[in-house]
């Protein structure tokens, strides 16, 4: 396993502190000199970490002032860019993988328009069932472009966050997106997976998520059982 670069370790620490409110929006991060001293890192390493935070929209660099915290929007519509756990109010979800990631052609037709590069590269396909308090709440199907995701199909996503895996191992950060929602009657398979009563409606969601990697999108189809839970978001 490749060792995480020093700059990335510092980036992860600062990112966590920004998103959890240790540093509030508009406040200043410690200076480069302070970060070097506290973390035992060289100035180029610290600057690399800060530049990555700038790229991800988490800080602004101002000459003579320093690194100013700039929190990104936490929600896309009603679903959080931090993942499904945040979207339902921070409850931890248990994740069961129904289909391990596999490389395959894109479905044709597909519910979102694909770029030529995406279409030509094929996709990585996976299915998950997600539980809250041991009750099935989300059944989702995900399609990722098979572009610069080495060894992704060998990674275990059981009880792991897809967004976190992409961010930590591939430096892919969700930045925004679009989604379509409608209430519909589920198929027999979805009814069985989500333990619905016959005839119960389900919330159907199609998402196209943008990332900090130009031209790279994540596509999800989600069925949501709202009998005991609602999706939470502020925007």
Protein backbone atom coordinates (compact mmCIF):
# COMPACT_ATOMS: atom_id res chain seq x y z
CA UNK A 1 0.00 0.00 0.00
CA UNK A 2 1.37 3.41 -0.93
CA UNK A 3 2.14 5.72 1.99
CA UNK A 4 -0.02 8.84 2.13
CA UNK A 5 2.08 11.89 1.20
CA UNK A 6 2.85 14.31 4.04
CA UNK A 7 0.99 17.19 2.39
CA UNK A 8 -2.10 14.99 2.11
CA UNK A 9 -2.00 14.13 5.81
CA UNK A 10 -1.93 17.82 6.69
CA UNK A 11 -4.69 18.51 4.14
CA UNK A 12 -6.92 15.86 5.78
CA UNK A 13 -6.36 17.35 9.25
CA UNK A 14 -7.12 20.91 8.16
CA UNK A 15 -10.09 19.83 6.05
CA UNK A 16 -11.60 17.97 9.01
CA UNK A 17 -11.08 20.98 11.28
CA UNK A 18 -12.75 23.30 8.76
CA UNK A 19 -15.78 21.06 8.15
CA UNK A 20 -16.31 20.33 11.85
CA UNK A 21 -16.18 24.01 12.81
CA UNK A 22 -12.82 24.13 14.60
CA UNK A 23 -12.09 26.98 12.20
CA UNK A 24 -15.23 28.96 11.42
CA UNK A 25 -15.97 30.57 8.09
CA UNK A 26 -14.02 33.82 7.76
CA UNK A 27 -11.43 32.86 10.36
CA UNK A 28 -7.73 32.42 9.65
CA UNK A 29 -5.86 29.14 9.61
CA UNK A 30 -2.53 29.04 11.47
CA UNK A 31 0.30 30.63 9.50
CA UNK A 32 2.65 28.57 7.34
CA UNK A 33 5.37 28.97 9.97
CA UNK A 34 3.02 27.69 12.69
CA UNK A 35 1.91 24.71 10.60
CA UNK A 36 5.53 23.84 9.85
CA UNK A 37 6.41 23.94 13.56
CA UNK A 38 3.36 22.01 14.81
CA UNK A 39 3.46 19.26 12.18
CA UNK A 40 7.21 19.05 11.60
CA UNK A 41 6.84 19.69 7.88
CA UNK A 42 8.76 21.79 5.37
CA UNK A 43 7.30 24.97 3.96
CA UNK A 44 6.81 23.47 0.43
CA UNK A 45 4.85 20.58 1.99
CA UNK A 46 2.63 22.97 3.98
CA UNK A 47 2.09 25.15 0.91
CA UNK A 48 1.09 22.08 -1.13
CA UNK A 49 -1.55 21.21 1.48
CA UNK A 50 -2.88 24.78 1.51
CA UNK A 51 -2.97 24.94 -2.29
CA UNK A 52 -5.06 21.76 -2.30
CA UNK A 53 -7.49 23.36 0.17
CA UNK A 54 -7.71 26.39 -2.14
CA UNK A 55 -8.42 24.13 -5.11
CA UNK A 56 -11.22 22.41 -3.20
CA UNK A 57 -12.78 25.74 -2.25
CA UNK A 58 -12.13 25.40 1.48
CA UNK A 59 -9.88 28.43 1.93
CA UNK A 60 -8.97 31.68 0.20
CA UNK A 61 -5.35 32.90 0.16
CA UNK A 62 -4.93 36.66 0.57
CA UNK A 63 -1.55 38.35 0.35
CA UNK A 64 -0.58 39.83 3.69
CA UNK A 65 -3.52 38.25 5.51
CA UNK A 66 -3.16 34.47 5.27
CA UNK A 67 -5.50 31.52 4.66
CA UNK A 68 -9.16 32.47 5.16
CA UNK A 69 -11.66 29.69 5.80
CA UNK A 70 -14.38 29.46 3.17
CA UNK A 71 -16.79 26.58 3.78
CA UNK A 72 -18.39 25.18 0.62
CA UNK A 73 -22.16 24.60 0.37
CA UNK A 74 -22.95 21.53 2.46
CA UNK A 75 -25.97 20.39 0.49
CA UNK A 76 -26.94 19.81 -3.11
CA UNK A 77 -30.67 20.33 -3.02
CA UNK A 78 -31.62 17.93 -0.21
CA UNK A 79 -28.59 15.65 -0.42
CA UNK A 80 -25.30 16.53 1.25
CA UNK A 81 -22.00 16.60 -0.61
CA UNK A 82 -20.57 14.86 2.46
CA UNK A 83 -22.65 11.78 1.67
CA UNK A 84 -25.89 10.08 2.56
CA UNK A 85 -25.10 9.89 6.28
CA UNK A 86 -25.06 13.70 6.45
CA UNK A 87 -28.17 13.96 4.30
CA UNK A 88 -30.35 12.12 6.82
CA UNK A 89 -29.13 14.11 9.78
CA UNK A 90 -25.79 12.51 10.65
CA UNK A 91 -26.99 9.00 11.53
CA UNK A 92 -24.46 6.30 10.76
CA UNK A 93 -25.49 3.99 7.96
CA UNK A 94 -24.60 0.35 7.65
CA UNK A 95 -23.77 -0.45 4.02
CA UNK A 96 -24.30 -3.81 2.36
CA UNK A 97 -22.73 -4.25 -1.07
CA UNK A 98 -25.16 -6.05 -3.38
CA UNK A 99 -22.89 -5.81 -6.42
CA UNK A 100 -19.15 -5.34 -5.96
CA UNK A 101 -17.65 -2.70 -8.28
CA UNK A 102 -17.25 -4.11 -11.80
CA UNK A 103 -16.09 -2.57 -15.07
CA UNK A 104 -18.66 -2.68 -17.87
CA UNK A 105 -20.14 -0.63 -20.76
CA UNK A 106 -22.55 2.19 -19.93
CA UNK A 107 -26.26 1.31 -20.13
CA UNK A 108 -27.86 2.43 -23.35
CA UNK A 109 -29.95 4.51 -23.04
CA UNK A 110 -28.60 6.26 -19.94
CA UNK A 111 -30.62 8.74 -17.87
CA UNK A 112 -28.00 11.53 -18.17
CA UNK A 113 -26.07 12.70 -21.20
CA UNK A 114 -22.50 11.39 -21.20
CA UNK A 115 -19.42 12.98 -22.69
CA UNK A 116 -17.66 11.17 -25.50
CA UNK A 117 -14.71 10.36 -23.21
CA UNK A 118 -17.00 8.95 -20.52
CA UNK A 119 -18.86 6.80 -23.03
CA UNK A 120 -15.65 5.49 -24.63
CA UNK A 121 -14.01 4.67 -21.27
CA UNK A 122 -16.82 2.52 -19.93
CA UNK A 123 -18.02 2.67 -16.35
CA UNK A 124 -17.57 1.15 -12.92
CA UNK A 125 -20.89 -0.20 -11.68
CA UNK A 126 -21.91 -1.04 -8.11
CA UNK A 127 -25.09 -1.57 -6.10
CA UNK A 128 -25.57 -0.91 -2.38
CA UNK A 129 -28.27 -1.34 0.26
CA UNK A 130 -27.97 1.04 3.19
CA UNK A 131 -29.49 0.60 6.63
CA UNK A 132 -30.34 2.97 9.48
CA UNK A 133 -31.02 1.29 12.83
CA UNK A 134 -30.95 -2.03 10.96
CA UNK A 135 -33.82 -0.99 8.67
CA UNK A 136 -33.20 -0.76 4.90
CA UNK A 137 -33.51 2.89 3.88
CA UNK A 138 -31.59 3.39 0.62
CA UNK A 139 -31.05 1.15 -2.36
CA UNK A 140 -28.66 2.80 -4.79
CA UNK A 141 -27.02 2.03 -8.11
CA UNK A 142 -23.85 3.94 -8.96
CA UNK A 143 -22.01 4.48 -12.25
CA UNK A 144 -18.52 6.03 -12.22
CA UNK A 145 -16.46 6.76 -15.34
CA UNK A 146 -13.66 4.19 -15.63
CA UNK A 147 -11.08 6.97 -15.86
CA UNK A 148 -7.96 7.06 -13.62
CA UNK A 149 -9.42 4.90 -10.85
CA UNK A 150 -6.70 2.25 -10.51
CA UNK A 151 -7.63 -0.84 -8.44
CA UNK A 152 -11.03 0.61 -7.61
CA UNK A 153 -12.81 -2.65 -8.36
CA UNK A 154 -10.64 -4.43 -5.77
CA UNK A 155 -11.56 -2.05 -2.95
CA UNK A 156 -13.97 -3.13 -0.24
CA UNK A 157 -16.86 -0.70 0.22
CA UNK A 158 -18.76 -2.76 2.79
CA UNK A 159 -19.73 -0.29 5.55
CA UNK A 160 -17.56 2.35 3.87
CA UNK A 161 -18.44 5.67 2.29
CA UNK A 162 -18.09 5.91 -1.49
CA UNK A 163 -17.43 9.66 -1.28
CA UNK A 164 -14.77 9.18 1.40
CA UNK A 165 -13.07 6.43 -0.61
CA UNK A 166 -12.93 8.63 -3.70
CA UNK A 167 -11.63 11.59 -1.72
CA UNK A 168 -8.96 9.79 0.31
CA UNK A 169 -7.61 7.42 -2.33
CA UNK A 170 -8.17 9.35 -5.58
CA UNK A 171 -8.39 12.99 -4.39
CA UNK A 172 -11.85 13.28 -5.98
CA UNK A 173 -14.06 15.73 -4.10
CA UNK A 174 -17.78 16.31 -4.77
CA UNK A 175 -18.36 19.97 -5.62
CA UNK A 176 -21.98 20.14 -6.79
CA UNK A 177 -24.47 18.52 -9.07
CA UNK A 178 -28.04 18.10 -10.21
CA UNK A 179 -30.78 15.73 -9.19
CA UNK A 180 -34.28 14.73 -10.20
CA UNK A 181 -36.82 13.36 -7.72
CA UNK A 182 -40.26 11.80 -7.98
CA UNK A 183 -42.52 9.54 -5.96
CA UNK A 184 -43.26 6.27 -7.71
CA UNK A 185 -44.43 2.73 -7.12
CA UNK A 186 -41.40 0.45 -6.74
CA UNK A 187 -40.74 -2.76 -8.61
CA UNK A 188 -41.09 -6.04 -6.78
CA UNK A 189 -37.31 -6.23 -6.37
CA UNK A 190 -37.13 -2.76 -4.77
CA UNK A 191 -40.14 -3.55 -2.57
CA UNK A 192 -38.36 -6.65 -1.30
CA UNK A 193 -34.98 -4.94 -0.76
CA UNK A 194 -36.45 -2.01 1.17
CA UNK A 195 -38.94 -4.19 3.04
CA UNK A 196 -41.87 -2.09 1.83
CA UNK A 197 -45.53 -2.98 2.09
CA UNK A 198 -47.13 -3.82 -1.21
CA UNK A 199 -48.32 -0.65 -2.91
CA UNK A 200 -46.21 1.71 -0.77
CA UNK A 201 -44.62 4.52 -2.81
CA UNK A 202 -40.90 5.14 -2.84
CA UNK A 203 -38.88 8.30 -3.49
CA UNK A 204 -36.88 7.84 -6.69
CA UNK A 205 -33.81 10.04 -7.22
CA UNK A 206 -31.45 10.42 -10.18
CA UNK A 207 -28.21 12.32 -9.51
CA UNK A 208 -25.32 13.63 -11.55
CA UNK A 209 -22.56 14.88 -9.24
CA UNK A 210 -19.74 17.17 -10.34
CA UNK A 211 -16.26 16.82 -8.88
CA UNK A 212 -12.99 18.72 -8.64
CA UNK A 213 -11.69 16.52 -11.49
CA UNK A 214 -12.71 18.23 -14.71
CA UNK A 215 -15.08 16.13 -16.82
CA UNK A 216 -15.46 13.46 -14.14
CA UNK A 217 -19.02 12.92 -12.85
CA UNK A 218 -20.62 10.39 -10.52
CA UNK A 219 -24.05 9.09 -11.47
CA UNK A 220 -26.46 7.56 -8.95
CA UNK A 221 -29.95 6.13 -9.04
CA UNK A 222 -31.48 5.93 -5.56
CA UNK A 223 -34.69 4.45 -4.12
CA UNK A 224 -35.47 5.86 -0.66
CA UNK A 225 -37.81 4.35 1.94
CA UNK A 226 -39.21 7.36 3.78
CA UNK A 227 -41.53 5.44 6.13
CA UNK A 228 -39.37 6.06 9.22
CA UNK A 229 -36.87 8.66 7.98
CA UNK A 230 -36.76 11.83 5.98
CA UNK A 231 -33.88 13.29 4.01
CA UNK A 232 -32.55 16.36 5.73
CA UNK A 233 -30.77 19.33 4.18
CA UNK A 234 -30.37 23.08 4.55
CA UNK A 235 -29.86 25.29 1.50
